All heavy atoms as atom14 arrays in JSON, in Angstrom:
{
  "sequence": "IGDRTEFIQGKIKTNPAFAISEILLSLEKMGATVAGLP",
  "atom14_mask": [
    [1, 1, 1, 1, 1, 1, 1, 1, 0, 0, 0, 0, 0, 0],
    [1, 1, 1, 1, 0, 0, 0, 0, 0, 0, 0, 0, 0, 0],
    [1, 1, 1, 1, 1, 1, 1, 1, 0, 0, 0, 0, 0, 0],
    [1, 1, 1, 1, 1, 1, 1, 1, 1, 1, 1, 0, 0, 0],
    [1, 1, 1, 1, 1, 1, 1, 0, 0, 0, 0, 0, 0, 0],
    [1, 1, 1, 1, 1, 1, 1, 1, 1, 0, 0, 0, 0, 0],
    [1, 1, 1, 1, 1, 1, 1, 1, 1, 1, 1, 0, 0, 0],
    [1, 1, 1, 1, 1, 1, 1, 1, 0, 0, 0, 0, 0, 0],
    [1, 1, 1, 1, 1, 1, 1, 1, 1, 0, 0, 0, 0, 0],
    [1, 1, 1, 1, 0, 0, 0, 0, 0, 0, 0, 0, 0, 0],
    [1, 1, 1, 1, 1, 1, 1, 1, 1, 0, 0, 0, 0, 0],
    [1, 1, 1, 1, 1, 1, 1, 1, 0, 0, 0, 0, 0, 0],
    [1, 1, 1, 1, 1, 1, 1, 1, 1, 0, 0, 0, 0, 0],
    [1, 1, 1, 1, 1, 1, 1, 0, 0, 0, 0, 0, 0, 0],
    [1, 1, 1, 1, 1, 1, 1, 1, 0, 0, 0, 0, 0, 0],
    [1, 1, 1, 1, 1, 1, 1, 0, 0, 0, 0, 0, 0, 0],
    [1, 1, 1, 1, 1, 0, 0, 0, 0, 0, 0, 0, 0, 0],
    [1, 1, 1, 1, 1, 1, 1, 1, 1, 1, 1, 0, 0, 0],
    [1, 1, 1, 1, 1, 0, 0, 0, 0, 0, 0, 0, 0, 0],
    [1, 1, 1, 1, 1, 1, 1, 1, 0, 0, 0, 0, 0, 0],
    [1, 1, 1, 1, 1, 1, 0, 0, 0, 0, 0, 0, 0, 0],
    [1, 1, 1, 1, 1, 1, 1, 1, 1, 0, 0, 0, 0, 0],
    [1, 1, 1, 1, 1, 1, 1, 1, 0, 0, 0, 0, 0, 0],
    [1, 1, 1, 1, 1, 1, 1, 1, 0, 0, 0, 0, 0, 0],
    [1, 1, 1, 1, 1, 1, 1, 1, 0, 0, 0, 0, 0, 0],
    [1, 1, 1, 1, 1, 1, 0, 0, 0, 0, 0, 0, 0, 0],
    [1, 1, 1, 1, 1, 1, 1, 1, 0, 0, 0, 0, 0, 0],
    [1, 1, 1, 1, 1, 1, 1, 1, 1, 0, 0, 0, 0, 0],
    [1, 1, 1, 1, 1, 1, 1, 1, 1, 0, 0, 0, 0, 0],
    [1, 1, 1, 1, 1, 1, 1, 1, 0, 0, 0, 0, 0, 0],
    [1, 1, 1, 1, 0, 0, 0, 0, 0, 0, 0, 0, 0, 0],
    [1, 1, 1, 1, 1, 0, 0, 0, 0, 0, 0, 0, 0, 0],
    [1, 1, 1, 1, 1, 1, 1, 0, 0, 0, 0, 0, 0, 0],
    [1, 1, 1, 1, 1, 1, 1, 0, 0, 0, 0, 0, 0, 0],
    [1, 1, 1, 1, 1, 0, 0, 0, 0, 0, 0, 0, 0, 0],
    [1, 1, 1, 1, 0, 0, 0, 0, 0, 0, 0, 0, 0, 0],
    [1, 1, 1, 1, 1, 1, 1, 1, 0, 0, 0, 0, 0, 0],
    [1, 1, 1, 1, 1, 1, 1, 0, 0, 0, 0, 0, 0, 0]
  ],
  "atom14_positions": [
    [[10.13, -11.14, -4.3], [10.06, -11.17, -2.79], [8.96, -10.31, -2.27], [9.09, -9.05, -2.36], [11.48, -10.84, -2.05], [12.49, -11.76, -2.75], [11.34, -11.0, -0.65], [13.91, -11.22, -2.24], [0.0, 0.0, 0.0], [0.0, 0.0, 0.0], [0.0, 0.0, 0.0], [0.0, 0.0, 0.0], [0.0, 0.0, 0.0], [0.0, 0.0, 0.0]],
    [[7.94, -10.84, -1.69], [6.86, -9.98, -1.13], [7.33, -9.19, -0.01], [8.29, -9.46, 0.65], [0.0, 0.0, 0.0], [0.0, 0.0, 0.0], [0.0, 0.0, 0.0], [0.0, 0.0, 0.0], [0.0, 0.0, 0.0], [0.0, 0.0, 0.0], [0.0, 0.0, 0.0], [0.0, 0.0, 0.0], [0.0, 0.0, 0.0], [0.0, 0.0, 0.0]],
    [[6.54, -8.03, 0.3], [6.97, -7.26, 1.48], [6.83, -7.96, 2.67], [5.88, -8.58, 3.03], [6.1, -5.99, 1.49], [6.53, -4.97, 2.42], [6.11, -5.02, 3.67], [7.24, -4.04, 2.04], [0.0, 0.0, 0.0], [0.0, 0.0, 0.0], [0.0, 0.0, 0.0], [0.0, 0.0, 0.0], [0.0, 0.0, 0.0], [0.0, 0.0, 0.0]],
    [[7.89, -7.92, 3.46], [7.96, -8.78, 4.67], [7.02, -8.26, 5.75], [6.33, -9.0, 6.47], [9.32, -8.71, 5.31], [10.44, -9.52, 4.57], [10.62, -9.14, 3.23], [11.21, -7.82, 3.08], [11.11, -6.86, 1.98], [10.5, -7.34, 0.88], [11.58, -5.79, 2.04], [0.0, 0.0, 0.0], [0.0, 0.0, 0.0], [0.0, 0.0, 0.0]],
    [[6.95, -6.94, 5.97], [6.0, -6.41, 6.9], [4.54, -6.68, 6.56], [3.77, -6.92, 7.4], [6.18, -4.77, 7.07], [7.5, -4.63, 7.63], [5.09, -4.21, 7.99], [0.0, 0.0, 0.0], [0.0, 0.0, 0.0], [0.0, 0.0, 0.0], [0.0, 0.0, 0.0], [0.0, 0.0, 0.0], [0.0, 0.0, 0.0], [0.0, 0.0, 0.0]],
    [[4.18, -6.5, 5.29], [2.85, -6.9, 4.88], [2.43, -8.34, 5.11], [1.36, -8.57, 5.45], [2.69, -6.51, 3.35], [2.65, -5.02, 2.98], [2.2, -4.65, 1.71], [2.04, -5.63, 0.82], [2.11, -3.54, 1.29], [0.0, 0.0, 0.0], [0.0, 0.0, 0.0], [0.0, 0.0, 0.0], [0.0, 0.0, 0.0], [0.0, 0.0, 0.0]],
    [[3.46, -9.21, 5.05], [3.23, -10.6, 5.3], [2.95, -10.76, 6.88], [2.07, -11.57, 7.22], [4.37, -11.54, 4.93], [4.22, -12.94, 5.35], [3.28, -13.77, 4.71], [5.04, -13.4, 6.34], [3.13, -15.13, 5.14], [4.91, -14.69, 6.82], [3.93, -15.61, 6.21], [0.0, 0.0, 0.0], [0.0, 0.0, 0.0], [0.0, 0.0, 0.0]],
    [[3.94, -10.15, 7.53], [3.76, -10.29, 9.07], [2.39, -9.71, 9.51], [1.76, -10.28, 10.45], [4.9, -9.44, 9.79], [6.27, -10.11, 9.5], [4.64, -9.25, 11.19], [7.43, -9.14, 9.88], [0.0, 0.0, 0.0], [0.0, 0.0, 0.0], [0.0, 0.0, 0.0], [0.0, 0.0, 0.0], [0.0, 0.0, 0.0], [0.0, 0.0, 0.0]],
    [[1.92, -8.71, 8.89], [0.61, -8.07, 9.25], [-0.6, -8.78, 8.57], [-1.83, -8.37, 8.84], [0.53, -6.55, 8.91], [1.68, -5.8, 9.56], [1.6, -4.28, 9.17], [1.37, -3.95, 8.04], [1.97, -3.38, 10.12], [0.0, 0.0, 0.0], [0.0, 0.0, 0.0], [0.0, 0.0, 0.0], [0.0, 0.0, 0.0], [0.0, 0.0, 0.0]],
    [[-0.34, -9.76, 7.83], [-1.47, -10.47, 7.24], [-2.05, -9.92, 5.9], [-3.13, -10.35, 5.54], [0.0, 0.0, 0.0], [0.0, 0.0, 0.0], [0.0, 0.0, 0.0], [0.0, 0.0, 0.0], [0.0, 0.0, 0.0], [0.0, 0.0, 0.0], [0.0, 0.0, 0.0], [0.0, 0.0, 0.0], [0.0, 0.0, 0.0], [0.0, 0.0, 0.0]],
    [[-1.35, -8.94, 5.47], [-1.92, -8.25, 4.15], [-1.71, -8.93, 3.02], [-2.35, -8.78, 1.9], [-1.28, -6.78, 4.21], [-1.74, -5.87, 5.33], [-1.05, -4.55, 5.19], [-1.46, -3.63, 6.33], [-0.76, -2.32, 6.26], [0.0, 0.0, 0.0], [0.0, 0.0, 0.0], [0.0, 0.0, 0.0], [0.0, 0.0, 0.0], [0.0, 0.0, 0.0]],
    [[-0.52, -9.84, 2.88], [-0.35, -10.73, 1.88], [-0.2, -12.2, 2.41], [0.16, -12.37, 3.52], [0.95, -10.39, 0.99], [2.11, -10.26, 1.84], [0.72, -8.92, 0.4], [3.39, -10.16, 1.01], [0.0, 0.0, 0.0], [0.0, 0.0, 0.0], [0.0, 0.0, 0.0], [0.0, 0.0, 0.0], [0.0, 0.0, 0.0], [0.0, 0.0, 0.0]],
    [[-0.52, -13.11, 1.59], [-0.54, -14.57, 2.07], [0.81, -15.31, 1.81], [1.12, -16.15, 2.55], [-1.78, -15.29, 1.5], [-3.12, -14.6, 1.9], [-3.24, -14.53, 3.48], [-4.63, -14.09, 3.7], [-4.75, -13.89, 5.23], [0.0, 0.0, 0.0], [0.0, 0.0, 0.0], [0.0, 0.0, 0.0], [0.0, 0.0, 0.0], [0.0, 0.0, 0.0]],
    [[1.46, -15.0, 0.73], [2.58, -15.75, 0.28], [3.7, -15.37, 1.12], [4.14, -14.2, 1.19], [2.79, -15.5, -1.19], [1.71, -15.91, -2.02], [4.1, -16.4, -1.59], [0.0, 0.0, 0.0], [0.0, 0.0, 0.0], [0.0, 0.0, 0.0], [0.0, 0.0, 0.0], [0.0, 0.0, 0.0], [0.0, 0.0, 0.0], [0.0, 0.0, 0.0]],
    [[4.34, -16.36, 1.77], [5.5, -16.06, 2.71], [6.68, -15.77, 1.83], [7.13, -16.44, 0.95], [5.82, -17.29, 3.58], [6.71, -17.16, 4.63], [7.57, -16.22, 4.59], [6.56, -17.77, 5.72], [0.0, 0.0, 0.0], [0.0, 0.0, 0.0], [0.0, 0.0, 0.0], [0.0, 0.0, 0.0], [0.0, 0.0, 0.0], [0.0, 0.0, 0.0]],
    [[7.32, -14.6, 2.08], [8.48, -14.12, 1.31], [9.65, -15.17, 1.46], [10.66, -15.16, 0.73], [8.87, -12.82, 1.92], [7.7, -12.26, 2.61], [6.91, -13.46, 3.07], [0.0, 0.0, 0.0], [0.0, 0.0, 0.0], [0.0, 0.0, 0.0], [0.0, 0.0, 0.0], [0.0, 0.0, 0.0], [0.0, 0.0, 0.0], [0.0, 0.0, 0.0]],
    [[9.54, -16.11, 2.51], [10.67, -17.02, 2.82], [10.97, -17.94, 1.64], [12.03, -18.3, 1.42], [10.22, -17.8, 4.09], [0.0, 0.0, 0.0], [0.0, 0.0, 0.0], [0.0, 0.0, 0.0], [0.0, 0.0, 0.0], [0.0, 0.0, 0.0], [0.0, 0.0, 0.0], [0.0, 0.0, 0.0], [0.0, 0.0, 0.0], [0.0, 0.0, 0.0]],
    [[9.82, -18.29, 0.87], [10.14, -19.25, -0.22], [11.0, -18.55, -1.35], [11.82, -19.2, -1.8], [8.69, -19.68, -0.72], [7.86, -20.52, 0.29], [6.76, -20.0, 0.85], [8.38, -21.68, 0.59], [6.21, -20.72, 1.86], [7.72, -22.54, 1.45], [6.45, -22.0, 2.12], [0.0, 0.0, 0.0], [0.0, 0.0, 0.0], [0.0, 0.0, 0.0]],
    [[10.73, -17.39, -1.67], [11.59, -16.71, -2.65], [12.87, -16.47, -2.14], [13.93, -16.57, -2.83], [10.85, -15.31, -3.11], [0.0, 0.0, 0.0], [0.0, 0.0, 0.0], [0.0, 0.0, 0.0], [0.0, 0.0, 0.0], [0.0, 0.0, 0.0], [0.0, 0.0, 0.0], [0.0, 0.0, 0.0], [0.0, 0.0, 0.0], [0.0, 0.0, 0.0]],
    [[12.96, -16.07, -0.89], [14.34, -15.82, -0.24], [15.11, -17.08, -0.3], [16.39, -17.11, -0.59], [14.26, -15.23, 1.13], [13.63, -13.9, 1.23], [15.61, -15.3, 1.9], [13.12, -13.44, 2.56], [0.0, 0.0, 0.0], [0.0, 0.0, 0.0], [0.0, 0.0, 0.0], [0.0, 0.0, 0.0], [0.0, 0.0, 0.0], [0.0, 0.0, 0.0]],
    [[14.59, -18.2, 0.09], [15.29, -19.43, 0.11], [15.71, -19.95, -1.26], [16.86, -20.45, -1.6], [14.48, -20.58, 0.85], [13.27, -20.75, 0.13], [0.0, 0.0, 0.0], [0.0, 0.0, 0.0], [0.0, 0.0, 0.0], [0.0, 0.0, 0.0], [0.0, 0.0, 0.0], [0.0, 0.0, 0.0], [0.0, 0.0, 0.0], [0.0, 0.0, 0.0]],
    [[14.81, -19.64, -2.33], [15.21, -20.04, -3.74], [16.43, -19.13, -4.18], [17.22, -19.8, -4.79], [13.93, -19.74, -4.6], [12.86, -20.66, -4.55], [11.51, -20.27, -5.14], [11.61, -19.26, -5.82], [10.6, -21.15, -5.11], [0.0, 0.0, 0.0], [0.0, 0.0, 0.0], [0.0, 0.0, 0.0], [0.0, 0.0, 0.0], [0.0, 0.0, 0.0]],
    [[16.49, -17.94, -3.78], [17.52, -17.13, -4.14], [18.84, -17.55, -3.35], [19.85, -17.72, -4.06], [17.26, -15.63, -3.88], [16.1, -15.08, -4.83], [18.51, -14.75, -3.95], [15.58, -13.73, -4.5], [0.0, 0.0, 0.0], [0.0, 0.0, 0.0], [0.0, 0.0, 0.0], [0.0, 0.0, 0.0], [0.0, 0.0, 0.0], [0.0, 0.0, 0.0]],
    [[18.71, -17.92, -2.28], [19.87, -18.47, -1.45], [20.43, -19.7, -2.09], [21.64, -19.91, -2.17], [19.42, -18.69, 0.07], [19.43, -17.55, 0.96], [18.7, -17.82, 2.28], [20.82, -16.88, 1.21], [0.0, 0.0, 0.0], [0.0, 0.0, 0.0], [0.0, 0.0, 0.0], [0.0, 0.0, 0.0], [0.0, 0.0, 0.0], [0.0, 0.0, 0.0]],
    [[19.54, -20.53, -2.55], [19.99, -21.83, -3.19], [20.71, -21.53, -4.57], [21.57, -22.18, -4.84], [18.88, -22.78, -3.34], [18.17, -23.34, -2.13], [16.86, -24.0, -2.38], [19.11, -24.32, -1.49], [0.0, 0.0, 0.0], [0.0, 0.0, 0.0], [0.0, 0.0, 0.0], [0.0, 0.0, 0.0], [0.0, 0.0, 0.0], [0.0, 0.0, 0.0]],
    [[20.1, -20.48, -5.27], [20.79, -20.03, -6.4], [22.18, -19.58, -6.12], [23.21, -19.71, -6.9], [19.9, -18.97, -7.22], [18.79, -19.51, -7.66], [0.0, 0.0, 0.0], [0.0, 0.0, 0.0], [0.0, 0.0, 0.0], [0.0, 0.0, 0.0], [0.0, 0.0, 0.0], [0.0, 0.0, 0.0], [0.0, 0.0, 0.0], [0.0, 0.0, 0.0]],
    [[22.3, -18.7, -5.1], [23.61, -18.21, -4.72], [24.5, -19.18, -4.39], [25.79, -19.14, -4.69], [23.42, -17.26, -3.48], [22.8, -15.85, -3.82], [22.37, -15.16, -2.5], [23.74, -14.89, -4.61], [0.0, 0.0, 0.0], [0.0, 0.0, 0.0], [0.0, 0.0, 0.0], [0.0, 0.0, 0.0], [0.0, 0.0, 0.0], [0.0, 0.0, 0.0]],
    [[24.11, -20.21, -3.81], [24.86, -21.39, -3.4], [25.45, -22.06, -4.62], [26.61, -22.45, -4.73], [24.22, -22.32, -2.5], [25.09, -23.57, -1.98], [24.29, -24.39, -0.95], [23.03, -24.49, -0.96], [25.06, -25.09, -0.27], [0.0, 0.0, 0.0], [0.0, 0.0, 0.0], [0.0, 0.0, 0.0], [0.0, 0.0, 0.0], [0.0, 0.0, 0.0]],
    [[24.61, -22.21, -5.71], [25.04, -22.95, -6.9], [26.09, -22.06, -7.59], [26.98, -22.61, -8.21], [23.76, -23.16, -7.8], [22.72, -24.16, -7.3], [21.72, -24.34, -8.25], [20.65, -25.45, -7.82], [19.45, -25.52, -8.66], [0.0, 0.0, 0.0], [0.0, 0.0, 0.0], [0.0, 0.0, 0.0], [0.0, 0.0, 0.0], [0.0, 0.0, 0.0]],
    [[25.96, -20.68, -7.3], [27.08, -19.85, -8.01], [28.24, -19.75, -7.18], [29.21, -19.03, -7.52], [26.39, -18.47, -8.09], [25.37, -18.34, -9.11], [24.63, -16.72, -9.47], [23.42, -16.58, -8.31], [0.0, 0.0, 0.0], [0.0, 0.0, 0.0], [0.0, 0.0, 0.0], [0.0, 0.0, 0.0], [0.0, 0.0, 0.0], [0.0, 0.0, 0.0]],
    [[28.3, -20.44, -6.12], [29.63, -20.5, -5.29], [29.52, -19.82, -3.91], [30.62, -19.94, -3.34], [0.0, 0.0, 0.0], [0.0, 0.0, 0.0], [0.0, 0.0, 0.0], [0.0, 0.0, 0.0], [0.0, 0.0, 0.0], [0.0, 0.0, 0.0], [0.0, 0.0, 0.0], [0.0, 0.0, 0.0], [0.0, 0.0, 0.0], [0.0, 0.0, 0.0]],
    [[28.5, -19.2, -3.57], [28.46, -18.54, -2.27], [28.45, -19.7, -1.19], [27.76, -20.59, -1.17], [27.17, -17.7, -2.1], [0.0, 0.0, 0.0], [0.0, 0.0, 0.0], [0.0, 0.0, 0.0], [0.0, 0.0, 0.0], [0.0, 0.0, 0.0], [0.0, 0.0, 0.0], [0.0, 0.0, 0.0], [0.0, 0.0, 0.0], [0.0, 0.0, 0.0]],
    [[29.35, -19.46, -0.06], [29.42, -20.38, 0.98], [28.73, -19.79, 2.27], [28.53, -20.5, 3.21], [30.83, -20.7, 1.24], [31.6, -19.38, 1.41], [31.44, -21.46, 0.14], [0.0, 0.0, 0.0], [0.0, 0.0, 0.0], [0.0, 0.0, 0.0], [0.0, 0.0, 0.0], [0.0, 0.0, 0.0], [0.0, 0.0, 0.0], [0.0, 0.0, 0.0]],
    [[28.76, -18.46, 2.29], [28.11, -17.73, 3.5], [27.19, -16.73, 2.94], [27.48, -16.1, 1.87], [29.28, -17.15, 4.45], [30.1, -16.1, 3.77], [28.5, -16.61, 5.71], [0.0, 0.0, 0.0], [0.0, 0.0, 0.0], [0.0, 0.0, 0.0], [0.0, 0.0, 0.0], [0.0, 0.0, 0.0], [0.0, 0.0, 0.0], [0.0, 0.0, 0.0]],
    [[26.08, -16.35, 3.6], [25.1, -15.4, 3.07], [24.42, -14.55, 4.14], [24.41, -15.02, 5.35], [24.08, -16.13, 2.21], [0.0, 0.0, 0.0], [0.0, 0.0, 0.0], [0.0, 0.0, 0.0], [0.0, 0.0, 0.0], [0.0, 0.0, 0.0], [0.0, 0.0, 0.0], [0.0, 0.0, 0.0], [0.0, 0.0, 0.0], [0.0, 0.0, 0.0]],
    [[23.91, -13.4, 3.78], [23.15, -12.6, 4.71], [21.95, -11.94, 4.08], [21.89, -11.83, 2.76], [0.0, 0.0, 0.0], [0.0, 0.0, 0.0], [0.0, 0.0, 0.0], [0.0, 0.0, 0.0], [0.0, 0.0, 0.0], [0.0, 0.0, 0.0], [0.0, 0.0, 0.0], [0.0, 0.0, 0.0], [0.0, 0.0, 0.0], [0.0, 0.0, 0.0]],
    [[20.89, -11.71, 4.94], [19.59, -10.96, 4.38], [19.67, -9.62, 4.83], [19.43, -9.34, 6.11], [18.48, -11.75, 4.93], [18.43, -13.19, 4.8], [17.1, -13.87, 5.41], [18.62, -13.67, 3.34], [0.0, 0.0, 0.0], [0.0, 0.0, 0.0], [0.0, 0.0, 0.0], [0.0, 0.0, 0.0], [0.0, 0.0, 0.0], [0.0, 0.0, 0.0]],
    [[19.98, -8.57, 4.05], [19.93, -7.18, 4.47], [18.53, -6.64, 4.64], [17.99, -5.76, 3.91], [20.7, -6.37, 3.44], [20.51, -7.25, 2.27], [20.33, -8.75, 2.72], [0.0, 0.0, 0.0], [0.0, 0.0, 0.0], [0.0, 0.0, 0.0], [0.0, 0.0, 0.0], [0.0, 0.0, 0.0], [0.0, 0.0, 0.0], [0.0, 0.0, 0.0]]
  ]
}
């Protein structure tokens, strides 16, 4: 997961959202029904 602030500031191009969503989908496959991003 790329640094969120660096993405917001344009210092990195890859949106961390893609890695976050992939992890959420993995959590769902493992049985998670509700999730949060700390």
